[in-house]
Amino acid sequence: MTSFSGKRLYVALVHHPVIDKNGATIASAVTNLDLHDIARACRTYGVKRYYVITPLDDQIVLIKRILDHWVIGAGGDYNPKRRQALALIRVVAAFDEMLTDITGEEGYRPQTVATSARRHAGSLSYRRLREMLDDPTPVVLAFGTAWGLSDTFMAEADHRLDPLTGAGAYNHLSVRSAVSIILDRLLGG
C-alpha cells in the first residue's frame, strides 16, 4: 500500500454537466449533506481541497452561506472539527475554472479522473490510480451528482475509474458514500 498522504489529490463534486434519470444533461441542486460529509471524508484522508462545481448563482449563494456559518461563524466556534473539514471547500462555477486554479497553485495541470457507476472501456483500476498518486502531477477525482457525470464529461476526462460494485445488480450509491469508499480504497491505511 502506498504511503501517499493525499496532498496532491483533489476532489470535485460536479453539479453540471450531470444527467438526470432520463439521460438529459442538467445542473443539479446542492445538498447540505454532500457538503458536510464529503468534506469530512476529504479531511480524514488528507485530500488537499474539495471543489464544489455549480454554474447556478442561487446554489453558489447557498453554499457560501453554509460555509460562512461553519467556517467563520458560530458553527465553527461550536464545532471546530467541522470547521476544519468545511474549510477545504472551494466553490467554482465550472470545471475549467477549478483546473486553472489547481494549475496555478501546483504548477502542473492536474490529471482528471472521472468516476461513474457505469463501466467504461480502458478504465483505471484502483491499484493503477494509487500508483499515479506517487507522481508529482496532481490528480482530481471528479464525482457526479444526480445520475452521474454526462457522457461528454466522461469522454473529456483524462481517465475513468473502475466503478464500485456491490453484491448484486443494484448500483446507485449516494455520491457521499461513493467518495468515502473510493478515498478509503486509495488512501486508507
N, C-alpha and C. Protein backbone atom coordinates (compact mmCIF):
# COMPACT_ATOMS: atom_id res chain seq x y z
N MET A 1 0.85 -1.18 0.00
CA MET A 1 0.00 0.00 0.00
C MET A 1 0.89 1.23 0.00
N THR A 2 0.54 2.18 -0.81
CA THR A 2 1.31 3.42 -0.91
C THR A 2 1.19 4.23 0.37
N SER A 3 2.20 5.05 0.64
CA SER A 3 2.16 5.91 1.82
C SER A 3 1.72 7.32 1.44
N PHE A 4 1.11 7.47 0.28
CA PHE A 4 0.68 8.77 -0.23
C PHE A 4 -0.23 9.46 0.78
N SER A 5 0.02 10.72 1.05
CA SER A 5 -0.74 11.45 2.06
C SER A 5 -1.98 12.13 1.49
N GLY A 6 -2.14 12.15 0.19
CA GLY A 6 -3.29 12.83 -0.40
C GLY A 6 -3.04 14.28 -0.69
N LYS A 7 -1.82 14.78 -0.48
CA LYS A 7 -1.57 16.22 -0.59
C LYS A 7 -1.66 16.76 -2.00
N ARG A 8 -1.64 15.92 -3.03
CA ARG A 8 -1.84 16.39 -4.41
C ARG A 8 -3.12 15.81 -4.99
N LEU A 9 -3.97 15.31 -4.13
CA LEU A 9 -5.26 14.78 -4.57
C LEU A 9 -6.35 15.79 -4.25
N TYR A 10 -7.17 16.06 -5.24
CA TYR A 10 -8.29 16.97 -5.12
C TYR A 10 -9.57 16.20 -5.42
N VAL A 11 -10.65 16.59 -4.80
CA VAL A 11 -11.96 16.01 -5.07
C VAL A 11 -12.84 17.11 -5.64
N ALA A 12 -13.57 16.77 -6.71
CA ALA A 12 -14.52 17.70 -7.32
C ALA A 12 -15.91 17.07 -7.31
N LEU A 13 -16.86 17.78 -6.73
CA LEU A 13 -18.25 17.36 -6.78
C LEU A 13 -18.93 18.21 -7.85
N VAL A 14 -19.26 17.56 -8.96
CA VAL A 14 -19.75 18.25 -10.15
C VAL A 14 -21.28 18.23 -10.17
N HIS A 15 -21.86 19.42 -10.26
CA HIS A 15 -23.32 19.56 -10.37
C HIS A 15 -23.76 19.89 -11.79
N HIS A 16 -22.80 20.14 -12.68
CA HIS A 16 -23.07 20.35 -14.10
C HIS A 16 -21.77 20.16 -14.87
N PRO A 17 -21.75 19.38 -15.91
CA PRO A 17 -22.86 18.68 -16.56
C PRO A 17 -23.06 17.27 -15.99
N VAL A 18 -24.24 17.05 -15.46
CA VAL A 18 -24.63 15.73 -14.98
C VAL A 18 -25.93 15.34 -15.67
N ILE A 19 -26.32 14.09 -15.50
CA ILE A 19 -27.54 13.63 -16.16
C ILE A 19 -28.63 13.33 -15.14
N ASP A 20 -29.86 13.45 -15.61
CA ASP A 20 -30.99 13.05 -14.77
C ASP A 20 -31.36 11.61 -15.08
N LYS A 21 -32.39 11.09 -14.44
CA LYS A 21 -32.75 9.67 -14.60
C LYS A 21 -33.17 9.31 -16.02
N ASN A 22 -33.48 10.33 -16.85
CA ASN A 22 -33.85 10.08 -18.24
C ASN A 22 -32.68 10.27 -19.20
N GLY A 23 -31.50 10.63 -18.67
CA GLY A 23 -30.32 10.81 -19.50
C GLY A 23 -30.12 12.21 -20.04
N ALA A 24 -30.98 13.15 -19.67
CA ALA A 24 -30.83 14.54 -20.11
C ALA A 24 -29.75 15.23 -19.29
N THR A 25 -28.97 16.09 -19.91
CA THR A 25 -27.94 16.85 -19.21
C THR A 25 -28.60 17.99 -18.44
N ILE A 26 -28.25 18.07 -17.15
CA ILE A 26 -28.85 19.07 -16.26
C ILE A 26 -27.78 19.67 -15.35
N ALA A 27 -28.21 20.66 -14.58
CA ALA A 27 -27.46 21.16 -13.43
C ALA A 27 -28.28 20.77 -12.20
N SER A 28 -27.66 20.03 -11.29
CA SER A 28 -28.39 19.54 -10.12
C SER A 28 -28.23 20.49 -8.94
N ALA A 29 -29.12 20.32 -7.96
CA ALA A 29 -29.09 21.14 -6.76
C ALA A 29 -28.03 20.62 -5.78
N VAL A 30 -27.49 21.53 -5.01
CA VAL A 30 -26.52 21.22 -3.97
C VAL A 30 -27.27 20.69 -2.75
N THR A 31 -26.68 19.72 -2.05
CA THR A 31 -27.28 19.26 -0.80
C THR A 31 -26.31 19.53 0.35
N ASN A 32 -26.87 19.93 1.45
CA ASN A 32 -26.11 20.21 2.66
C ASN A 32 -25.32 18.97 3.10
N LEU A 33 -25.94 17.80 3.02
CA LEU A 33 -25.27 16.57 3.44
C LEU A 33 -24.01 16.29 2.62
N ASP A 34 -24.08 16.52 1.30
CA ASP A 34 -22.90 16.30 0.47
C ASP A 34 -21.77 17.24 0.86
N LEU A 35 -22.09 18.48 1.15
CA LEU A 35 -21.06 19.43 1.56
C LEU A 35 -20.35 18.93 2.81
N HIS A 36 -21.12 18.62 3.82
CA HIS A 36 -20.56 18.21 5.12
C HIS A 36 -19.86 16.86 5.05
N ASP A 37 -20.54 15.86 4.55
CA ASP A 37 -19.99 14.50 4.62
C ASP A 37 -18.78 14.32 3.71
N ILE A 38 -18.80 14.89 2.53
CA ILE A 38 -17.64 14.75 1.64
C ILE A 38 -16.47 15.55 2.20
N ALA A 39 -16.72 16.72 2.74
CA ALA A 39 -15.63 17.50 3.36
C ALA A 39 -15.00 16.72 4.50
N ARG A 40 -15.81 16.05 5.31
CA ARG A 40 -15.27 15.27 6.42
C ARG A 40 -14.44 14.10 5.92
N ALA A 41 -14.88 13.44 4.86
CA ALA A 41 -14.09 12.34 4.28
C ALA A 41 -12.78 12.87 3.70
N CYS A 42 -12.85 14.00 3.01
CA CYS A 42 -11.63 14.60 2.44
C CYS A 42 -10.63 14.96 3.53
N ARG A 43 -11.10 15.54 4.60
CA ARG A 43 -10.22 15.90 5.72
C ARG A 43 -9.62 14.65 6.35
N THR A 44 -10.42 13.62 6.53
CA THR A 44 -9.96 12.38 7.14
C THR A 44 -8.84 11.74 6.33
N TYR A 45 -8.95 11.78 5.00
CA TYR A 45 -7.98 11.11 4.14
C TYR A 45 -6.90 12.03 3.59
N GLY A 46 -6.87 13.29 4.01
CA GLY A 46 -5.78 14.18 3.63
C GLY A 46 -5.88 14.76 2.23
N VAL A 47 -7.09 14.84 1.68
CA VAL A 47 -7.29 15.47 0.37
C VAL A 47 -6.95 16.95 0.49
N LYS A 48 -6.30 17.49 -0.53
CA LYS A 48 -5.84 18.88 -0.46
C LYS A 48 -6.99 19.88 -0.49
N ARG A 49 -7.94 19.69 -1.38
CA ARG A 49 -9.07 20.60 -1.48
C ARG A 49 -10.26 19.87 -2.08
N TYR A 50 -11.42 20.32 -1.68
CA TYR A 50 -12.68 19.77 -2.15
C TYR A 50 -13.41 20.89 -2.89
N TYR A 51 -13.54 20.73 -4.21
CA TYR A 51 -14.22 21.72 -5.04
C TYR A 51 -15.68 21.31 -5.24
N VAL A 52 -16.56 22.28 -5.10
CA VAL A 52 -17.96 22.09 -5.43
C VAL A 52 -18.21 22.95 -6.66
N ILE A 53 -18.69 22.31 -7.72
CA ILE A 53 -18.81 22.97 -9.02
C ILE A 53 -20.27 23.08 -9.42
N THR A 54 -20.73 24.32 -9.50
CA THR A 54 -22.10 24.59 -9.95
C THR A 54 -22.14 25.93 -10.67
N PRO A 55 -22.83 25.99 -11.81
CA PRO A 55 -22.97 27.26 -12.51
C PRO A 55 -24.16 28.09 -12.01
N LEU A 56 -24.92 27.54 -11.07
CA LEU A 56 -26.16 28.20 -10.63
C LEU A 56 -25.88 29.19 -9.52
N ASP A 57 -26.17 30.47 -9.79
CA ASP A 57 -25.88 31.53 -8.82
C ASP A 57 -26.56 31.31 -7.47
N ASP A 58 -27.82 30.87 -7.49
CA ASP A 58 -28.51 30.67 -6.21
C ASP A 58 -27.87 29.56 -5.39
N GLN A 59 -27.33 28.55 -6.06
CA GLN A 59 -26.66 27.46 -5.36
C GLN A 59 -25.31 27.92 -4.79
N ILE A 60 -24.61 28.78 -5.52
CA ILE A 60 -23.35 29.34 -5.03
C ILE A 60 -23.61 30.17 -3.77
N VAL A 61 -24.65 30.96 -3.79
CA VAL A 61 -25.02 31.77 -2.62
C VAL A 61 -25.34 30.85 -1.44
N LEU A 62 -26.08 29.78 -1.68
CA LEU A 62 -26.43 28.84 -0.62
C LEU A 62 -25.18 28.20 -0.02
N ILE A 63 -24.28 27.73 -0.86
CA ILE A 63 -23.05 27.09 -0.38
C ILE A 63 -22.24 28.08 0.46
N LYS A 64 -22.09 29.29 -0.03
CA LYS A 64 -21.30 30.28 0.70
C LYS A 64 -21.94 30.62 2.05
N ARG A 65 -23.25 30.62 2.09
CA ARG A 65 -23.93 30.88 3.37
C ARG A 65 -23.66 29.76 4.36
N ILE A 66 -23.74 28.53 3.90
CA ILE A 66 -23.45 27.38 4.77
C ILE A 66 -22.00 27.43 5.24
N LEU A 67 -21.07 27.69 4.30
CA LEU A 67 -19.65 27.74 4.67
C LEU A 67 -19.37 28.88 5.64
N ASP A 68 -19.99 30.03 5.43
CA ASP A 68 -19.78 31.15 6.35
C ASP A 68 -20.16 30.76 7.77
N HIS A 69 -21.28 30.06 7.92
CA HIS A 69 -21.72 29.64 9.25
C HIS A 69 -20.71 28.70 9.91
N TRP A 70 -20.23 27.71 9.14
CA TRP A 70 -19.39 26.67 9.73
C TRP A 70 -17.90 27.00 9.74
N VAL A 71 -17.45 27.89 8.87
CA VAL A 71 -16.02 28.17 8.80
C VAL A 71 -15.66 29.45 9.55
N ILE A 72 -16.45 30.52 9.39
CA ILE A 72 -16.11 31.77 10.07
C ILE A 72 -17.15 32.20 11.11
N GLY A 73 -18.26 31.51 11.16
CA GLY A 73 -19.34 31.90 12.06
C GLY A 73 -19.43 31.05 13.31
N ALA A 74 -20.59 31.12 13.93
CA ALA A 74 -20.83 30.45 15.21
C ALA A 74 -20.71 28.93 15.12
N GLY A 75 -21.05 28.36 13.97
CA GLY A 75 -20.95 26.91 13.82
C GLY A 75 -19.53 26.42 13.98
N GLY A 76 -18.56 27.17 13.44
CA GLY A 76 -17.16 26.79 13.57
C GLY A 76 -16.65 26.90 14.99
N ASP A 77 -17.17 27.88 15.73
CA ASP A 77 -16.80 28.00 17.15
C ASP A 77 -17.36 26.83 17.94
N TYR A 78 -18.59 26.45 17.61
CA TYR A 78 -19.25 25.34 18.30
C TYR A 78 -18.60 24.00 17.96
N ASN A 79 -18.21 23.82 16.67
CA ASN A 79 -17.67 22.54 16.22
C ASN A 79 -16.40 22.78 15.38
N PRO A 80 -15.25 22.93 16.04
CA PRO A 80 -14.01 23.21 15.30
C PRO A 80 -13.61 22.10 14.32
N LYS A 81 -13.95 20.86 14.61
CA LYS A 81 -13.63 19.78 13.67
C LYS A 81 -14.41 19.94 12.37
N ARG A 82 -15.66 20.36 12.46
CA ARG A 82 -16.46 20.61 11.27
C ARG A 82 -15.85 21.78 10.50
N ARG A 83 -15.39 22.80 11.21
CA ARG A 83 -14.74 23.95 10.57
C ARG A 83 -13.54 23.47 9.76
N GLN A 84 -12.70 22.62 10.34
CA GLN A 84 -11.51 22.13 9.65
C GLN A 84 -11.89 21.43 8.35
N ALA A 85 -12.94 20.64 8.39
CA ALA A 85 -13.37 19.90 7.19
C ALA A 85 -13.95 20.85 6.14
N LEU A 86 -14.86 21.70 6.54
CA LEU A 86 -15.53 22.56 5.57
C LEU A 86 -14.62 23.65 5.02
N ALA A 87 -13.53 23.93 5.71
CA ALA A 87 -12.55 24.91 5.20
C ALA A 87 -11.84 24.40 3.95
N LEU A 88 -11.94 23.10 3.66
CA LEU A 88 -11.35 22.53 2.45
C LEU A 88 -12.14 22.88 1.19
N ILE A 89 -13.37 23.33 1.35
CA ILE A 89 -14.25 23.55 0.20
C ILE A 89 -13.93 24.86 -0.51
N ARG A 90 -13.88 24.77 -1.83
CA ARG A 90 -13.81 25.96 -2.69
C ARG A 90 -14.93 25.80 -3.72
N VAL A 91 -15.71 26.84 -3.90
CA VAL A 91 -16.84 26.81 -4.84
C VAL A 91 -16.42 27.51 -6.13
N VAL A 92 -16.66 26.84 -7.26
CA VAL A 92 -16.39 27.42 -8.57
C VAL A 92 -17.57 27.14 -9.49
N ALA A 93 -17.69 27.94 -10.54
CA ALA A 93 -18.82 27.81 -11.46
C ALA A 93 -18.60 26.76 -12.54
N ALA A 94 -17.34 26.39 -12.81
CA ALA A 94 -17.08 25.46 -13.91
C ALA A 94 -15.83 24.63 -13.63
N PHE A 95 -15.81 23.44 -14.20
CA PHE A 95 -14.68 22.52 -14.02
C PHE A 95 -13.38 23.16 -14.52
N ASP A 96 -13.43 23.85 -15.65
CA ASP A 96 -12.24 24.51 -16.19
C ASP A 96 -11.68 25.56 -15.22
N GLU A 97 -12.56 26.24 -14.51
CA GLU A 97 -12.12 27.22 -13.51
C GLU A 97 -11.32 26.51 -12.41
N MET A 98 -11.78 25.35 -12.00
CA MET A 98 -11.06 24.57 -11.00
C MET A 98 -9.69 24.13 -11.53
N LEU A 99 -9.65 23.67 -12.78
CA LEU A 99 -8.37 23.24 -13.37
C LEU A 99 -7.37 24.39 -13.41
N THR A 100 -7.83 25.57 -13.77
CA THR A 100 -6.96 26.75 -13.79
C THR A 100 -6.45 27.06 -12.39
N ASP A 101 -7.31 26.97 -11.41
CA ASP A 101 -6.94 27.24 -10.02
C ASP A 101 -5.86 26.26 -9.54
N ILE A 102 -6.06 24.98 -9.79
CA ILE A 102 -5.10 23.97 -9.35
C ILE A 102 -3.78 24.13 -10.11
N THR A 103 -3.85 24.36 -11.41
CA THR A 103 -2.64 24.54 -12.21
C THR A 103 -1.82 25.72 -11.69
N GLY A 104 -2.48 26.81 -11.34
CA GLY A 104 -1.78 27.97 -10.80
C GLY A 104 -1.11 27.67 -9.48
N GLU A 105 -1.75 26.86 -8.66
CA GLU A 105 -1.19 26.53 -7.35
C GLU A 105 -0.09 25.49 -7.43
N GLU A 106 -0.28 24.48 -8.25
CA GLU A 106 0.64 23.35 -8.30
C GLU A 106 1.76 23.51 -9.32
N GLY A 107 1.51 24.33 -10.36
CA GLY A 107 2.49 24.45 -11.43
C GLY A 107 2.35 23.37 -12.49
N TYR A 108 1.38 22.49 -12.32
CA TYR A 108 1.08 21.42 -13.28
C TYR A 108 -0.43 21.37 -13.48
N ARG A 109 -0.85 21.07 -14.72
CA ARG A 109 -2.27 20.79 -14.93
C ARG A 109 -2.55 19.43 -14.31
N PRO A 110 -3.61 19.32 -13.52
CA PRO A 110 -3.89 18.02 -12.90
C PRO A 110 -4.44 17.01 -13.90
N GLN A 111 -4.20 15.75 -13.61
CA GLN A 111 -4.84 14.66 -14.33
C GLN A 111 -6.27 14.57 -13.81
N THR A 112 -7.24 14.42 -14.70
CA THR A 112 -8.63 14.31 -14.27
C THR A 112 -9.08 12.86 -14.36
N VAL A 113 -9.69 12.40 -13.29
CA VAL A 113 -10.19 11.03 -13.21
C VAL A 113 -11.67 11.11 -12.90
N ALA A 114 -12.49 10.70 -13.85
CA ALA A 114 -13.95 10.72 -13.68
C ALA A 114 -14.40 9.40 -13.07
N THR A 115 -15.39 9.50 -12.19
CA THR A 115 -15.97 8.32 -11.57
C THR A 115 -17.37 8.11 -12.12
N SER A 116 -17.80 6.86 -12.06
CA SER A 116 -19.12 6.52 -12.58
C SER A 116 -19.56 5.19 -12.00
N ALA A 117 -20.85 4.98 -11.93
CA ALA A 117 -21.38 3.67 -11.56
C ALA A 117 -21.39 2.73 -12.77
N ARG A 118 -21.14 3.31 -13.96
CA ARG A 118 -21.11 2.51 -15.19
C ARG A 118 -19.66 2.18 -15.55
N ARG A 119 -19.45 1.02 -16.10
CA ARG A 119 -18.11 0.61 -16.55
C ARG A 119 -17.81 1.27 -17.89
N HIS A 120 -16.56 1.72 -18.04
CA HIS A 120 -16.09 2.33 -19.28
C HIS A 120 -14.86 1.58 -19.77
N ALA A 121 -14.73 1.43 -21.08
CA ALA A 121 -13.58 0.74 -21.67
C ALA A 121 -12.30 1.46 -21.26
N GLY A 122 -11.30 0.70 -20.89
CA GLY A 122 -10.00 1.26 -20.55
C GLY A 122 -9.95 1.99 -19.23
N SER A 123 -10.90 1.72 -18.35
CA SER A 123 -10.91 2.43 -17.07
C SER A 123 -9.74 2.02 -16.18
N LEU A 124 -9.38 2.92 -15.27
CA LEU A 124 -8.27 2.69 -14.35
C LEU A 124 -8.71 1.78 -13.21
N SER A 125 -7.81 0.90 -12.81
CA SER A 125 -8.05 0.14 -11.58
C SER A 125 -7.64 1.03 -10.40
N TYR A 126 -8.07 0.66 -9.22
CA TYR A 126 -7.69 1.41 -8.03
C TYR A 126 -6.19 1.28 -7.80
N ARG A 127 -5.64 0.12 -8.09
CA ARG A 127 -4.20 -0.07 -7.94
C ARG A 127 -3.42 0.88 -8.84
N ARG A 128 -3.84 1.01 -10.09
CA ARG A 128 -3.14 1.91 -11.02
C ARG A 128 -3.28 3.36 -10.58
N LEU A 129 -4.44 3.75 -10.10
CA LEU A 129 -4.61 5.13 -9.63
C LEU A 129 -3.75 5.39 -8.40
N ARG A 130 -3.65 4.43 -7.49
CA ARG A 130 -2.75 4.61 -6.34
C ARG A 130 -1.32 4.83 -6.81
N GLU A 131 -0.89 4.11 -7.83
CA GLU A 131 0.46 4.31 -8.39
C GLU A 131 0.60 5.71 -8.97
N MET A 132 -0.42 6.19 -9.66
CA MET A 132 -0.38 7.54 -10.24
C MET A 132 -0.23 8.60 -9.16
N LEU A 133 -0.77 8.34 -7.99
CA LEU A 133 -0.71 9.32 -6.92
C LEU A 133 0.71 9.53 -6.38
N ASP A 134 1.62 8.63 -6.73
CA ASP A 134 3.02 8.80 -6.34
C ASP A 134 3.76 9.78 -7.24
N ASP A 135 3.20 10.11 -8.40
CA ASP A 135 3.81 11.08 -9.31
C ASP A 135 3.61 12.49 -8.76
N PRO A 136 4.44 13.45 -9.23
CA PRO A 136 4.26 14.83 -8.77
C PRO A 136 3.05 15.53 -9.38
N THR A 137 2.47 14.96 -10.43
CA THR A 137 1.32 15.59 -11.08
C THR A 137 0.10 15.45 -10.18
N PRO A 138 -0.60 16.57 -9.91
CA PRO A 138 -1.81 16.48 -9.09
C PRO A 138 -2.92 15.71 -9.83
N VAL A 139 -3.83 15.17 -9.04
CA VAL A 139 -4.95 14.38 -9.57
C VAL A 139 -6.25 14.94 -9.01
N VAL A 140 -7.25 15.07 -9.89
CA VAL A 140 -8.60 15.46 -9.48
C VAL A 140 -9.51 14.27 -9.69
N LEU A 141 -10.18 13.84 -8.63
CA LEU A 141 -11.22 12.83 -8.73
C LEU A 141 -12.55 13.56 -8.87
N ALA A 142 -13.23 13.36 -10.00
CA ALA A 142 -14.49 14.05 -10.26
C ALA A 142 -15.66 13.10 -10.01
N PHE A 143 -16.57 13.55 -9.19
CA PHE A 143 -17.78 12.79 -8.86
C PHE A 143 -18.99 13.56 -9.34
N GLY A 144 -19.93 12.85 -9.95
CA GLY A 144 -21.14 13.49 -10.43
C GLY A 144 -22.29 13.35 -9.46
N THR A 145 -23.13 14.36 -9.43
CA THR A 145 -24.35 14.30 -8.64
C THR A 145 -25.48 13.80 -9.54
N ALA A 146 -26.69 13.83 -9.06
CA ALA A 146 -27.87 13.34 -9.78
C ALA A 146 -27.63 11.88 -10.20
N TRP A 147 -27.66 11.59 -11.52
CA TRP A 147 -27.45 10.24 -12.00
C TRP A 147 -26.07 10.07 -12.61
N GLY A 148 -25.18 10.98 -12.30
CA GLY A 148 -23.78 10.85 -12.72
C GLY A 148 -23.34 11.87 -13.74
N LEU A 149 -22.05 11.86 -14.00
CA LEU A 149 -21.43 12.78 -14.95
C LEU A 149 -21.94 12.50 -16.36
N SER A 150 -22.06 13.55 -17.15
CA SER A 150 -22.54 13.39 -18.53
C SER A 150 -21.54 12.61 -19.36
N ASP A 151 -22.01 12.02 -20.45
CA ASP A 151 -21.13 11.28 -21.35
C ASP A 151 -20.03 12.17 -21.92
N THR A 152 -20.36 13.42 -22.21
CA THR A 152 -19.36 14.36 -22.72
C THR A 152 -18.27 14.59 -21.68
N PHE A 153 -18.65 14.79 -20.44
CA PHE A 153 -17.68 14.99 -19.37
C PHE A 153 -16.79 13.75 -19.24
N MET A 154 -17.41 12.59 -19.25
CA MET A 154 -16.66 11.33 -19.13
C MET A 154 -15.64 11.20 -20.26
N ALA A 155 -16.05 11.54 -21.47
CA ALA A 155 -15.17 11.41 -22.63
C ALA A 155 -14.00 12.40 -22.57
N GLU A 156 -14.22 13.56 -21.98
CA GLU A 156 -13.18 14.59 -21.93
C GLU A 156 -12.21 14.41 -20.77
N ALA A 157 -12.55 13.57 -19.80
CA ALA A 157 -11.65 13.33 -18.66
C ALA A 157 -10.41 12.58 -19.16
N ASP A 158 -9.29 12.80 -18.48
CA ASP A 158 -8.06 12.08 -18.84
C ASP A 158 -8.20 10.58 -18.60
N HIS A 159 -8.91 10.22 -17.54
CA HIS A 159 -9.08 8.81 -17.16
C HIS A 159 -10.48 8.62 -16.58
N ARG A 160 -10.91 7.37 -16.58
CA ARG A 160 -12.13 6.96 -15.93
C ARG A 160 -11.77 5.85 -14.94
N LEU A 161 -12.32 5.91 -13.75
CA LEU A 161 -12.02 4.94 -12.70
C LEU A 161 -13.01 3.77 -12.77
N ASP A 162 -12.51 2.58 -12.46
CA ASP A 162 -13.41 1.43 -12.36
C ASP A 162 -14.56 1.78 -11.42
N PRO A 163 -15.78 1.33 -11.74
CA PRO A 163 -16.90 1.62 -10.85
C PRO A 163 -16.84 0.78 -9.58
N LEU A 164 -17.48 1.26 -8.54
CA LEU A 164 -17.70 0.45 -7.35
C LEU A 164 -18.78 -0.57 -7.69
N THR A 165 -18.64 -1.75 -7.18
CA THR A 165 -19.66 -2.77 -7.41
C THR A 165 -20.07 -3.38 -6.08
N GLY A 166 -21.34 -3.65 -5.97
CA GLY A 166 -21.87 -4.25 -4.75
C GLY A 166 -22.09 -5.74 -4.93
N ALA A 167 -23.00 -6.26 -4.15
CA ALA A 167 -23.25 -7.70 -4.14
C ALA A 167 -24.19 -8.15 -5.25
N GLY A 168 -24.92 -7.23 -5.85
CA GLY A 168 -25.89 -7.61 -6.87
C GLY A 168 -25.94 -6.59 -7.99
N ALA A 169 -27.08 -6.56 -8.68
CA ALA A 169 -27.23 -5.67 -9.83
C ALA A 169 -27.49 -4.22 -9.42
N TYR A 170 -28.03 -4.01 -8.22
CA TYR A 170 -28.33 -2.64 -7.78
C TYR A 170 -27.03 -1.89 -7.57
N ASN A 171 -26.92 -0.70 -8.20
CA ASN A 171 -25.69 0.08 -8.10
C ASN A 171 -26.04 1.56 -8.19
N HIS A 172 -26.53 2.12 -7.09
CA HIS A 172 -26.89 3.53 -7.07
C HIS A 172 -26.60 4.11 -5.68
N LEU A 173 -25.31 4.15 -5.33
CA LEU A 173 -24.88 4.73 -4.06
C LEU A 173 -25.06 6.24 -4.06
N SER A 174 -25.22 6.80 -2.89
CA SER A 174 -25.16 8.26 -2.79
C SER A 174 -23.73 8.67 -3.12
N VAL A 175 -23.58 9.87 -3.64
CA VAL A 175 -22.24 10.33 -4.01
C VAL A 175 -21.35 10.41 -2.78
N ARG A 176 -21.90 10.80 -1.63
CA ARG A 176 -21.07 10.89 -0.43
C ARG A 176 -20.58 9.51 0.02
N SER A 177 -21.38 8.48 -0.17
CA SER A 177 -20.92 7.12 0.14
C SER A 177 -19.83 6.70 -0.82
N ALA A 178 -20.02 6.98 -2.11
CA ALA A 178 -19.02 6.60 -3.11
C ALA A 178 -17.69 7.31 -2.85
N VAL A 179 -17.73 8.60 -2.52
CA VAL A 179 -16.50 9.33 -2.22
C VAL A 179 -15.77 8.65 -1.06
N SER A 180 -16.47 8.35 0.00
CA SER A 180 -15.85 7.74 1.17
C SER A 180 -15.21 6.39 0.85
N ILE A 181 -15.91 5.55 0.12
CA ILE A 181 -15.38 4.23 -0.23
C ILE A 181 -14.14 4.38 -1.11
N ILE A 182 -14.22 5.23 -2.12
CA ILE A 182 -13.10 5.39 -3.06
C ILE A 182 -11.89 6.00 -2.35
N LEU A 183 -12.09 7.00 -1.50
CA LEU A 183 -10.95 7.56 -0.78
C LEU A 183 -10.31 6.51 0.13
N ASP A 184 -11.11 5.67 0.73
CA ASP A 184 -10.55 4.62 1.58
C ASP A 184 -9.75 3.62 0.74
N ARG A 185 -10.27 3.26 -0.42
CA ARG A 185 -9.53 2.33 -1.29
C ARG A 185 -8.21 2.92 -1.76
N LEU A 186 -8.18 4.23 -1.98
CA LEU A 186 -6.97 4.87 -2.48
C LEU A 186 -5.99 5.25 -1.38
N LEU A 187 -6.50 5.70 -0.24
CA LEU A 187 -5.64 6.31 0.77
C LEU A 187 -5.72 5.67 2.14
N GLY A 188 -6.62 4.69 2.30
CA GLY A 188 -6.80 4.08 3.61
C GLY A 188 -5.56 3.30 4.04
N GLY A 189 -5.38 3.22 5.35
CA GLY A 189 -4.19 2.59 5.92
C GLY A 189 -4.31 1.11 6.12
